[in-house]
N, C-alpha and C. Protein backbone atom coordinates (compact mmCIF):
# COMPACT_ATOMS: atom_id res chain seq x y z
N MET A 1 -10.84 -24.74 32.40
CA MET A 1 -11.51 -24.78 31.45
C MET A 1 -10.99 -23.60 30.38
N THR A 2 -9.96 -24.43 29.67
CA THR A 2 -9.45 -23.06 28.31
C THR A 2 -10.12 -23.24 27.43
N LYS A 3 -10.52 -22.05 26.62
CA LYS A 3 -11.05 -22.15 25.49
C LYS A 3 -10.22 -21.55 24.09
N GLU A 4 -10.05 -22.26 23.24
CA GLU A 4 -9.22 -21.97 22.08
C GLU A 4 -10.45 -20.63 21.71
N PRO A 5 -9.25 -19.75 21.23
CA PRO A 5 -9.75 -18.41 20.52
C PRO A 5 -10.75 -18.90 19.11
N LYS A 6 -11.51 -17.93 18.64
CA LYS A 6 -12.08 -18.37 17.71
C LYS A 6 -11.49 -18.12 16.23
N SER A 7 -11.55 -18.61 15.40
CA SER A 7 -10.51 -18.24 14.52
C SER A 7 -11.73 -17.13 13.64
N SER A 8 -10.71 -16.75 12.50
CA SER A 8 -11.38 -15.56 11.98
C SER A 8 -12.17 -15.63 10.81
N GLY A 9 -13.18 -15.81 10.45
CA GLY A 9 -13.74 -15.52 9.09
C GLY A 9 -13.30 -14.83 7.94
N GLY A 10 -13.85 -15.13 6.65
CA GLY A 10 -14.08 -14.31 5.54
C GLY A 10 -12.32 -14.11 5.34
N LEU A 11 -12.18 -13.07 4.92
CA LEU A 11 -10.96 -12.71 4.00
C LEU A 11 -9.67 -12.88 5.34
N LYS A 12 -9.85 -12.04 6.35
CA LYS A 12 -8.87 -12.36 7.04
C LYS A 12 -8.46 -13.66 7.79
N GLY A 13 -9.54 -14.19 8.07
CA GLY A 13 -9.28 -15.72 8.14
C GLY A 13 -8.74 -16.71 7.36
N LEU A 14 -9.12 -16.42 5.71
CA LEU A 14 -8.40 -16.88 4.58
C LEU A 14 -7.13 -16.43 4.34
N LEU A 15 -6.76 -15.77 4.72
CA LEU A 15 -5.08 -14.98 4.74
C LEU A 15 -4.40 -15.49 5.99
N GLN A 16 -5.08 -15.74 6.82
CA GLN A 16 -4.66 -16.04 8.35
C GLN A 16 -4.08 -17.55 7.58
N ARG A 17 -4.37 -18.69 7.50
CA ARG A 17 -4.72 -19.60 7.50
C ARG A 17 -3.69 -19.94 6.41
N THR A 18 -3.88 -19.42 5.38
CA THR A 18 -2.88 -19.75 3.81
C THR A 18 -1.76 -19.25 4.68
N GLY A 19 -1.02 -18.45 5.54
CA GLY A 19 0.38 -17.63 6.36
C GLY A 19 0.71 -18.40 6.56
N LYS A 20 -0.15 -19.71 7.74
CA LYS A 20 -0.15 -20.10 8.54
C LYS A 20 0.33 -21.67 7.22
N PHE A 21 -0.06 -22.37 6.62
CA PHE A 21 0.10 -23.04 5.94
C PHE A 21 1.53 -22.39 5.32
N PHE A 22 2.13 -21.78 4.54
CA PHE A 22 3.29 -21.46 4.05
C PHE A 22 3.99 -21.92 4.56
N TYR A 23 4.06 -21.23 5.67
CA TYR A 23 5.05 -20.59 6.73
C TYR A 23 5.37 -22.45 7.26
N THR A 24 4.22 -22.99 7.77
CA THR A 24 5.10 -24.62 8.12
C THR A 24 5.43 -25.25 6.92
N THR A 25 4.49 -25.61 5.51
CA THR A 25 5.29 -25.63 4.84
C THR A 25 6.85 -25.43 4.49
N GLY A 26 7.26 -24.10 4.30
CA GLY A 26 8.73 -23.88 4.51
C GLY A 26 9.35 -24.36 5.47
N VAL A 27 9.14 -24.20 6.93
CA VAL A 27 9.13 -25.09 7.57
C VAL A 27 10.01 -26.16 7.51
N TYR A 28 8.78 -26.92 7.31
CA TYR A 28 9.26 -28.16 6.69
C TYR A 28 10.33 -28.91 5.91
N ALA A 29 10.19 -28.12 4.80
CA ALA A 29 10.99 -27.93 4.06
C ALA A 29 12.75 -27.97 4.21
N ARG A 30 12.39 -26.84 4.96
CA ARG A 30 13.98 -26.22 4.96
C ARG A 30 14.45 -27.68 6.42
N ASP A 31 13.94 -27.98 7.45
CA ASP A 31 14.26 -29.07 7.70
C ASP A 31 14.53 -30.39 7.66
N LYS A 32 13.54 -30.55 6.45
CA LYS A 32 14.44 -31.97 5.89
C LYS A 32 15.20 -31.65 4.64
N GLY A 33 15.76 -30.49 4.15
CA GLY A 33 16.44 -30.03 3.24
C GLY A 33 16.78 -31.11 2.37
N SER A 34 15.37 -31.34 1.80
CA SER A 34 15.48 -32.26 0.79
C SER A 34 15.71 -31.54 -1.20
N THR A 35 16.56 -32.08 -1.37
CA THR A 35 17.22 -31.39 -2.36
C THR A 35 15.91 -31.22 -4.06
N ALA A 36 14.48 -31.80 -4.04
CA ALA A 36 13.70 -32.28 -4.90
C ALA A 36 12.75 -30.57 -4.41
N PHE A 37 12.83 -30.08 -2.86
CA PHE A 37 12.25 -29.04 -2.15
C PHE A 37 12.83 -27.91 -2.77
N LYS A 38 14.20 -28.26 -3.17
CA LYS A 38 15.24 -27.08 -3.38
C LYS A 38 15.15 -26.40 -5.25
N TRP A 39 15.14 -27.67 -5.60
CA TRP A 39 14.72 -27.66 -7.21
C TRP A 39 13.00 -27.35 -7.34
N GLY A 40 12.40 -27.42 -7.00
CA GLY A 40 11.03 -27.25 -6.43
C GLY A 40 11.15 -25.71 -6.91
N TYR A 41 11.51 -24.87 -5.28
CA TYR A 41 11.77 -23.62 -5.09
C TYR A 41 12.52 -23.15 -6.52
N GLN A 42 13.28 -23.29 -6.80
CA GLN A 42 13.85 -22.34 -8.02
C GLN A 42 13.25 -23.12 -9.22
N VAL A 43 12.67 -23.80 -9.82
CA VAL A 43 12.16 -23.88 -10.93
C VAL A 43 10.81 -22.88 -10.83
N GLY A 44 10.17 -23.02 -9.58
CA GLY A 44 8.92 -22.44 -9.62
C GLY A 44 9.51 -21.20 -9.10
N GLY A 45 10.26 -20.54 -9.31
CA GLY A 45 10.48 -19.22 -9.18
C GLY A 45 11.04 -18.63 -10.51
N GLN A 46 11.52 -19.80 -11.58
CA GLN A 46 11.79 -19.39 -12.47
C GLN A 46 10.48 -19.30 -13.58
N VAL A 47 9.77 -20.52 -13.25
CA VAL A 47 8.69 -20.35 -14.10
C VAL A 47 7.44 -19.02 -13.48
N ALA A 48 7.66 -19.00 -12.24
CA ALA A 48 6.67 -17.68 -11.58
C ALA A 48 7.13 -16.30 -12.53
N PHE A 49 8.39 -15.77 -12.52
CA PHE A 49 9.15 -14.45 -13.11
C PHE A 49 8.83 -14.99 -14.43
N ALA A 50 9.19 -15.93 -14.81
CA ALA A 50 9.08 -15.69 -16.65
C ALA A 50 7.12 -15.16 -16.80
N VAL A 51 6.32 -15.80 -16.60
CA VAL A 51 4.87 -15.65 -15.78
C VAL A 51 4.62 -14.21 -15.93
N ALA A 52 5.53 -13.53 -15.05
CA ALA A 52 5.37 -12.30 -14.34
C ALA A 52 5.83 -11.78 -15.71
N THR A 53 6.96 -11.16 -16.09
CA THR A 53 7.11 -10.34 -16.83
C THR A 53 6.61 -11.11 -17.86
N THR A 54 6.57 -11.88 -18.36
CA THR A 54 5.37 -11.79 -19.94
C THR A 54 4.27 -10.91 -20.23
N SER A 55 3.21 -11.08 -18.72
CA SER A 55 2.31 -10.78 -18.18
C SER A 55 2.67 -9.32 -18.64
N MET A 56 3.95 -8.66 -17.84
CA MET A 56 3.88 -7.00 -17.92
C MET A 56 4.18 -6.50 -19.73
N VAL A 57 4.58 -7.31 -20.20
CA VAL A 57 5.47 -7.06 -21.63
C VAL A 57 4.28 -7.25 -22.46
N MET A 58 3.02 -8.24 -22.61
CA MET A 58 2.67 -8.85 -23.55
C MET A 58 1.09 -7.71 -23.23
N LEU A 59 0.41 -8.32 -21.70
CA LEU A 59 -0.74 -8.18 -21.48
C LEU A 59 -1.01 -6.67 -20.89
N MET A 60 -0.85 -5.82 -20.40
CA MET A 60 -0.61 -4.18 -20.15
C MET A 60 -0.62 -3.49 -21.17
N PRO A 61 0.33 -3.32 -22.27
CA PRO A 61 -0.22 -2.93 -23.52
C PRO A 61 -1.20 -2.91 -24.29
N LEU A 62 -2.12 -4.38 -24.37
CA LEU A 62 -3.13 -5.25 -24.66
C LEU A 62 -4.09 -4.17 -23.64
N LEU A 63 -4.04 -4.50 -22.82
CA LEU A 63 -5.41 -3.50 -22.07
C LEU A 63 -5.40 -1.94 -22.24
N PHE A 64 -4.52 -1.59 -21.99
CA PHE A 64 -3.98 -0.33 -22.31
C PHE A 64 -4.98 0.14 -23.52
N GLU A 65 -4.51 -0.29 -24.78
CA GLU A 65 -4.98 -0.20 -25.97
C GLU A 65 -6.51 -0.69 -25.54
N ILE A 66 -6.75 -1.45 -25.37
CA ILE A 66 -8.63 -2.20 -25.35
C ILE A 66 -9.34 -0.51 -24.77
N ALA A 67 -8.53 -0.04 -23.40
CA ALA A 67 -9.49 1.19 -22.68
C ALA A 67 -9.26 2.54 -23.57
N ARG A 68 -8.23 2.11 -24.03
CA ARG A 68 -8.25 3.22 -25.38
C ARG A 68 -9.31 3.75 -25.86
N GLU A 69 -9.42 2.31 -26.67
CA GLU A 69 -10.52 2.19 -27.65
C GLU A 69 -11.91 2.35 -27.11
N GLY A 70 -11.98 2.53 -26.02
CA GLY A 70 -13.45 2.07 -25.40
C GLY A 70 -13.87 3.70 -25.34
N GLN A 71 -12.60 4.10 -24.63
CA GLN A 71 -13.16 6.17 -24.99
C GLN A 71 -13.16 6.33 -25.93
N VAL A 72 -12.36 5.88 -27.25
CA VAL A 72 -12.46 6.09 -28.10
C VAL A 72 -14.26 6.01 -28.92
N ARG A 73 -14.22 4.95 -28.54
CA ARG A 73 -15.71 4.26 -29.09
C ARG A 73 -17.08 5.55 -28.49
N VAL A 74 -16.96 6.03 -27.21
CA VAL A 74 -17.78 6.62 -25.86
C VAL A 74 -17.91 7.70 -26.78
N THR A 75 -16.62 8.51 -27.14
CA THR A 75 -17.35 9.90 -28.21
C THR A 75 -17.81 10.32 -28.81
N THR A 76 -17.45 9.36 -29.78
CA THR A 76 -17.95 9.65 -30.95
C THR A 76 -19.48 9.21 -31.61
């Protein structure tokens, strides 16, 4: 009688399950070789790049200014 290892809970378990899901999904997509998956990865990568660069250029200076204004209000 063999026992299956108990899965981890909490954040560690979540990250392990998520990693396993993305790994198996990637293997499936690679094996199928579907052009839809390749197109989805390309478009998804472009969208992720646009969101990341926009947030760095637009949101980070805004957050810095809000923090600086908060410091000025506290000292006066």
